[in-house]
């Protein structure tokens, strides 16, 4: 079955960096577009990054553009999110996501807390 397991979250000060990972299994990772989302308490889930199957195309919303970088290693079936210059408002539970046919799959999330 499809599994997405995020890791790498933690507590970081404003201006700091974190690198999230998402280990994928149960589907053909190298043929799937992948995404990162986040959800803060009391807010809707927000898309933060997307990457094409071979990693040649990436997309970000304005809120993270220039600070976050999505990447993938198809040989390791792993998705990454490098987050730099973190802000207080980046605090959230971060999820990786894949859409296969009509089914949406999510990991359990990894918590990122930005606090001084």
N, C-alpha and C. Protein backbone atom coordinates (compact mmCIF):
# COMPACT_ATOMS: atom_id res chain seq x y z
N UNK A 1 0.85 -1.19 0.00
CA UNK A 1 0.00 0.00 0.00
C UNK A 1 0.89 1.25 0.00
N UNK A 2 0.30 2.35 -0.39
CA UNK A 2 1.05 3.61 -0.44
C UNK A 2 1.40 4.05 0.98
N UNK A 3 2.67 4.39 1.15
CA UNK A 3 3.12 4.94 2.44
C UNK A 3 3.98 6.16 2.19
N UNK A 4 3.73 7.19 2.97
CA UNK A 4 4.53 8.40 2.96
C UNK A 4 4.91 8.70 4.41
N UNK A 5 6.20 8.76 4.69
CA UNK A 5 6.66 8.96 6.06
C UNK A 5 7.58 10.17 6.11
N UNK A 6 7.08 11.22 6.74
CA UNK A 6 7.85 12.45 6.87
C UNK A 6 8.74 12.42 8.10
N UNK A 7 9.84 13.15 8.02
CA UNK A 7 10.75 13.29 9.15
C UNK A 7 11.53 14.58 8.99
N UNK A 8 12.23 14.97 10.06
CA UNK A 8 13.11 16.13 9.98
C UNK A 8 12.59 17.39 10.63
N UNK A 9 11.36 17.36 11.11
CA UNK A 9 10.83 18.54 11.78
C UNK A 9 11.49 18.78 13.11
N UNK A 10 11.17 19.92 13.71
CA UNK A 10 11.74 20.24 15.01
C UNK A 10 11.52 21.69 15.37
N UNK A 11 12.22 22.10 16.42
CA UNK A 11 12.14 23.47 16.91
C UNK A 11 13.35 24.25 16.39
N UNK A 12 13.09 25.40 15.81
CA UNK A 12 14.17 26.21 15.25
C UNK A 12 13.88 27.67 15.50
N UNK A 13 14.91 28.47 15.63
CA UNK A 13 14.73 29.90 15.84
C UNK A 13 14.43 30.60 14.51
N UNK A 14 13.78 31.75 14.59
CA UNK A 14 13.56 32.53 13.35
C UNK A 14 14.88 32.78 12.64
N UNK A 15 14.84 32.62 11.31
CA UNK A 15 16.06 32.77 10.52
C UNK A 15 16.83 31.48 10.32
N UNK A 16 16.44 30.45 11.04
CA UNK A 16 17.13 29.17 10.94
C UNK A 16 16.66 28.33 9.76
N UNK A 17 17.20 27.12 9.70
CA UNK A 17 16.91 26.21 8.59
C UNK A 17 16.55 24.82 9.11
N UNK A 18 15.77 24.13 8.30
CA UNK A 18 15.45 22.73 8.54
C UNK A 18 15.34 22.03 7.19
N UNK A 19 15.61 20.74 7.19
CA UNK A 19 15.42 19.94 5.98
C UNK A 19 14.48 18.79 6.31
N UNK A 20 13.35 18.78 5.65
CA UNK A 20 12.38 17.71 5.82
C UNK A 20 12.60 16.63 4.78
N UNK A 21 12.27 15.41 5.16
CA UNK A 21 12.35 14.28 4.23
C UNK A 21 11.02 13.54 4.23
N UNK A 22 10.74 12.89 3.12
CA UNK A 22 9.53 12.07 3.01
C UNK A 22 9.92 10.78 2.27
N UNK A 23 9.88 9.68 2.99
CA UNK A 23 10.19 8.38 2.41
C UNK A 23 8.91 7.79 1.82
N UNK A 24 8.95 7.46 0.54
CA UNK A 24 7.76 6.99 -0.16
C UNK A 24 7.90 5.52 -0.54
N UNK A 25 6.78 4.81 -0.52
CA UNK A 25 6.76 3.41 -0.92
C UNK A 25 5.36 3.02 -1.36
N UNK A 26 5.27 1.91 -2.09
CA UNK A 26 3.97 1.39 -2.50
C UNK A 26 3.45 1.94 -3.80
N UNK A 27 4.24 2.75 -4.48
CA UNK A 27 3.85 3.27 -5.79
C UNK A 27 5.13 3.63 -6.55
N UNK A 28 4.98 3.94 -7.83
CA UNK A 28 6.14 4.26 -8.66
C UNK A 28 6.50 5.72 -8.44
N UNK A 29 7.39 5.92 -7.50
CA UNK A 29 7.76 7.28 -7.08
C UNK A 29 8.29 8.10 -8.25
N UNK A 30 9.13 7.51 -9.07
CA UNK A 30 9.78 8.25 -10.15
C UNK A 30 8.83 8.70 -11.24
N UNK A 31 7.61 8.22 -11.21
CA UNK A 31 6.61 8.61 -12.20
C UNK A 31 5.52 9.49 -11.60
N UNK A 32 5.75 9.99 -10.42
CA UNK A 32 4.72 10.74 -9.70
C UNK A 32 5.17 12.14 -9.34
N UNK A 33 4.32 13.12 -9.65
CA UNK A 33 4.55 14.46 -9.12
C UNK A 33 4.33 14.41 -7.61
N UNK A 34 5.10 15.19 -6.90
CA UNK A 34 5.02 15.18 -5.45
C UNK A 34 4.85 16.60 -4.92
N UNK A 35 4.29 16.68 -3.73
CA UNK A 35 3.96 17.98 -3.14
C UNK A 35 4.24 17.99 -1.64
N UNK A 36 4.50 19.18 -1.14
CA UNK A 36 4.52 19.43 0.30
C UNK A 36 3.38 20.40 0.61
N UNK A 37 2.73 20.11 1.73
CA UNK A 37 1.69 20.98 2.28
C UNK A 37 2.00 21.22 3.74
N UNK A 38 1.30 22.20 4.31
CA UNK A 38 1.42 22.44 5.74
C UNK A 38 0.07 22.90 6.29
N UNK A 39 -0.09 22.68 7.59
CA UNK A 39 -1.31 23.11 8.26
C UNK A 39 -0.99 23.57 9.66
N UNK A 40 -1.32 24.82 9.91
CA UNK A 40 -1.16 25.39 11.25
C UNK A 40 -2.47 25.25 12.00
N UNK A 41 -2.43 25.24 13.34
CA UNK A 41 -3.66 25.10 14.12
C UNK A 41 -4.69 26.17 13.75
N UNK A 42 -5.91 25.75 13.49
CA UNK A 42 -6.98 26.68 13.19
C UNK A 42 -6.97 27.22 11.77
N UNK A 43 -6.04 26.72 10.95
CA UNK A 43 -5.95 27.20 9.57
C UNK A 43 -6.16 26.05 8.59
N UNK A 44 -6.45 26.40 7.36
CA UNK A 44 -6.61 25.40 6.32
C UNK A 44 -5.26 24.87 5.87
N UNK A 45 -5.26 23.66 5.34
CA UNK A 45 -4.03 23.10 4.81
C UNK A 45 -3.60 23.92 3.59
N UNK A 46 -2.30 24.22 3.54
CA UNK A 46 -1.75 25.12 2.53
C UNK A 46 -0.69 24.41 1.72
N UNK A 47 -0.74 24.53 0.41
CA UNK A 47 0.28 23.98 -0.46
C UNK A 47 1.55 24.83 -0.34
N UNK A 48 2.72 24.19 -0.24
CA UNK A 48 3.96 24.95 -0.12
C UNK A 48 5.00 24.65 -1.20
N UNK A 49 4.87 23.51 -1.89
CA UNK A 49 5.85 23.21 -2.94
C UNK A 49 5.39 22.02 -3.77
N UNK A 50 5.79 22.02 -5.02
CA UNK A 50 5.51 20.90 -5.91
C UNK A 50 6.70 20.63 -6.81
N UNK A 51 6.84 19.37 -7.23
CA UNK A 51 7.97 18.99 -8.07
C UNK A 51 7.52 17.96 -9.09
N UNK A 52 8.09 18.08 -10.30
CA UNK A 52 7.74 17.15 -11.37
C UNK A 52 8.38 15.78 -11.14
N UNK A 53 8.03 14.85 -12.00
CA UNK A 53 8.47 13.46 -11.81
C UNK A 53 9.98 13.32 -11.80
N UNK A 54 10.68 14.07 -12.64
CA UNK A 54 12.13 13.93 -12.68
C UNK A 54 12.83 15.11 -12.02
N UNK A 55 12.05 15.99 -11.43
CA UNK A 55 12.63 17.08 -10.65
C UNK A 55 13.07 18.29 -11.44
N UNK A 56 12.70 18.36 -12.71
CA UNK A 56 13.16 19.49 -13.52
C UNK A 56 12.26 20.70 -13.41
N UNK A 57 11.11 20.54 -12.80
CA UNK A 57 10.19 21.66 -12.63
C UNK A 57 9.72 21.70 -11.18
N UNK A 58 9.82 22.88 -10.58
CA UNK A 58 9.35 23.07 -9.21
C UNK A 58 8.46 24.31 -9.15
N UNK A 59 7.56 24.32 -8.18
CA UNK A 59 6.65 25.44 -8.02
C UNK A 59 6.43 25.73 -6.54
N UNK A 60 6.24 27.02 -6.24
CA UNK A 60 6.06 27.46 -4.85
C UNK A 60 5.06 28.62 -4.81
N UNK A 61 4.35 28.74 -3.72
CA UNK A 61 3.55 29.95 -3.53
C UNK A 61 4.47 31.10 -3.14
N UNK A 62 3.99 32.31 -3.26
CA UNK A 62 4.80 33.48 -2.93
C UNK A 62 5.27 33.48 -1.49
N UNK A 63 4.50 32.87 -0.60
CA UNK A 63 4.82 32.91 0.82
C UNK A 63 6.14 32.21 1.16
N UNK A 64 6.58 31.28 0.31
CA UNK A 64 7.81 30.54 0.60
C UNK A 64 8.85 30.66 -0.51
N UNK A 65 8.48 31.24 -1.63
CA UNK A 65 9.38 31.32 -2.78
C UNK A 65 10.66 32.04 -2.40
N UNK A 66 11.80 31.45 -2.78
CA UNK A 66 13.09 32.03 -2.45
C UNK A 66 13.64 31.58 -1.10
N UNK A 67 12.81 30.94 -0.29
CA UNK A 67 13.26 30.45 1.02
C UNK A 67 13.22 28.92 1.09
N UNK A 68 12.25 28.31 0.44
CA UNK A 68 12.08 26.85 0.46
C UNK A 68 12.51 26.27 -0.88
N UNK A 69 13.08 25.06 -0.83
CA UNK A 69 13.47 24.35 -2.03
C UNK A 69 13.03 22.90 -1.92
N UNK A 70 12.24 22.47 -2.89
CA UNK A 70 11.80 21.08 -2.95
C UNK A 70 12.75 20.32 -3.86
N UNK A 71 13.04 19.08 -3.49
CA UNK A 71 13.93 18.24 -4.29
C UNK A 71 13.53 16.80 -4.11
N UNK A 72 14.07 15.94 -4.95
CA UNK A 72 13.75 14.52 -4.84
C UNK A 72 14.95 13.69 -5.27
N UNK A 73 15.00 12.48 -4.72
CA UNK A 73 15.99 11.49 -5.13
C UNK A 73 15.20 10.25 -5.54
N UNK A 74 15.05 10.05 -6.82
CA UNK A 74 14.23 8.94 -7.30
C UNK A 74 14.88 7.59 -7.04
N UNK A 75 16.19 7.57 -6.92
CA UNK A 75 16.88 6.31 -6.60
C UNK A 75 16.59 5.87 -5.16
N UNK A 76 16.28 6.84 -4.30
CA UNK A 76 16.01 6.54 -2.89
C UNK A 76 14.53 6.67 -2.56
N UNK A 77 13.70 6.98 -3.55
CA UNK A 77 12.25 7.17 -3.31
C UNK A 77 12.01 8.16 -2.17
N UNK A 78 12.72 9.26 -2.21
CA UNK A 78 12.65 10.23 -1.13
C UNK A 78 12.45 11.63 -1.66
N UNK A 79 11.57 12.35 -0.99
CA UNK A 79 11.26 13.74 -1.29
C UNK A 79 11.84 14.60 -0.17
N UNK A 80 12.30 15.80 -0.53
CA UNK A 80 12.90 16.69 0.46
C UNK A 80 12.27 18.08 0.40
N UNK A 81 12.38 18.78 1.51
CA UNK A 81 12.03 20.20 1.53
C UNK A 81 13.07 20.91 2.38
N UNK A 82 13.92 21.69 1.72
CA UNK A 82 14.89 22.51 2.41
C UNK A 82 14.24 23.84 2.73
N UNK A 83 14.21 24.20 4.00
CA UNK A 83 13.56 25.43 4.44
C UNK A 83 14.60 26.34 5.07
N UNK A 84 14.80 27.49 4.48
CA UNK A 84 15.77 28.47 4.98
C UNK A 84 15.05 29.74 5.40
N UNK A 85 15.74 30.55 6.19
CA UNK A 85 15.20 31.84 6.65
C UNK A 85 13.80 31.65 7.20
N UNK A 86 13.64 30.71 8.08
CA UNK A 86 12.32 30.38 8.61
C UNK A 86 11.75 31.53 9.42
N UNK A 87 10.43 31.67 9.32
CA UNK A 87 9.70 32.72 10.02
C UNK A 87 8.73 32.09 11.02
N UNK A 88 8.27 32.91 11.94
CA UNK A 88 7.31 32.42 12.93
C UNK A 88 6.09 31.79 12.25
N UNK A 89 5.66 32.42 11.17
CA UNK A 89 4.45 31.96 10.48
C UNK A 89 4.65 30.68 9.68
N UNK A 90 5.87 30.17 9.64
CA UNK A 90 6.11 28.87 8.99
C UNK A 90 5.81 27.70 9.93
N UNK A 91 5.54 27.99 11.17
CA UNK A 91 5.22 26.92 12.12
C UNK A 91 3.96 26.18 11.68
N UNK A 92 4.04 24.88 11.58
CA UNK A 92 2.90 24.08 11.12
C UNK A 92 3.30 22.61 11.11
N UNK A 93 2.30 21.79 10.87
CA UNK A 93 2.54 20.37 10.59
C UNK A 93 2.72 20.24 9.09
N UNK A 94 3.85 19.68 8.68
CA UNK A 94 4.18 19.59 7.26
C UNK A 94 3.94 18.17 6.75
N UNK A 95 3.28 18.08 5.60
CA UNK A 95 2.90 16.80 5.01
C UNK A 95 3.45 16.68 3.60
N UNK A 96 3.84 15.48 3.21
CA UNK A 96 4.06 15.25 1.79
C UNK A 96 2.82 14.57 1.22
N UNK A 97 2.67 14.73 -0.07
CA UNK A 97 1.42 14.34 -0.73
C UNK A 97 1.69 13.82 -2.13
N UNK A 98 0.89 12.82 -2.52
CA UNK A 98 0.91 12.35 -3.89
C UNK A 98 -0.53 12.07 -4.32
N UNK A 99 -0.82 12.42 -5.55
CA UNK A 99 -2.13 12.15 -6.12
C UNK A 99 -1.95 11.04 -7.16
N UNK A 100 -2.58 9.91 -6.92
CA UNK A 100 -2.48 8.76 -7.82
C UNK A 100 -3.86 8.48 -8.37
N UNK A 101 -4.02 8.67 -9.67
CA UNK A 101 -5.34 8.55 -10.31
C UNK A 101 -6.27 9.54 -9.60
N UNK A 102 -7.25 9.04 -8.88
CA UNK A 102 -8.19 9.94 -8.19
C UNK A 102 -8.00 9.91 -6.68
N UNK A 103 -6.99 9.22 -6.22
CA UNK A 103 -6.79 9.08 -4.78
C UNK A 103 -5.63 9.96 -4.29
N UNK A 104 -5.89 10.66 -3.21
CA UNK A 104 -4.93 11.53 -2.57
C UNK A 104 -4.32 10.80 -1.37
N UNK A 105 -3.00 10.81 -1.27
CA UNK A 105 -2.32 10.15 -0.16
C UNK A 105 -1.49 11.15 0.61
N UNK A 106 -1.50 10.98 1.93
CA UNK A 106 -0.80 11.88 2.83
C UNK A 106 0.00 11.07 3.85
N UNK A 107 1.10 11.66 4.27
CA UNK A 107 1.82 11.09 5.39
C UNK A 107 1.19 11.54 6.70
N UNK A 108 1.86 11.19 7.80
CA UNK A 108 1.34 11.56 9.12
C UNK A 108 1.77 12.98 9.52
N UNK A 109 2.72 13.52 8.78
CA UNK A 109 3.17 14.88 9.04
C UNK A 109 4.36 14.94 9.99
N UNK A 110 5.10 16.02 9.88
CA UNK A 110 6.21 16.30 10.79
C UNK A 110 6.08 17.76 11.25
N UNK A 111 6.22 17.96 12.55
CA UNK A 111 5.96 19.27 13.13
C UNK A 111 7.18 20.19 13.00
N UNK A 112 6.93 21.37 12.50
CA UNK A 112 7.95 22.42 12.45
C UNK A 112 7.48 23.57 13.32
N UNK A 113 8.30 23.92 14.30
CA UNK A 113 7.98 25.02 15.19
C UNK A 113 9.10 26.05 15.13
N UNK A 114 8.74 27.26 14.74
CA UNK A 114 9.69 28.36 14.67
C UNK A 114 9.40 29.30 15.84
N UNK A 115 10.34 29.39 16.73
CA UNK A 115 10.12 30.18 17.94
C UNK A 115 11.45 30.68 18.50
N UNK A 116 11.40 31.87 19.07
CA UNK A 116 12.59 32.41 19.71
C UNK A 116 12.58 32.08 21.20
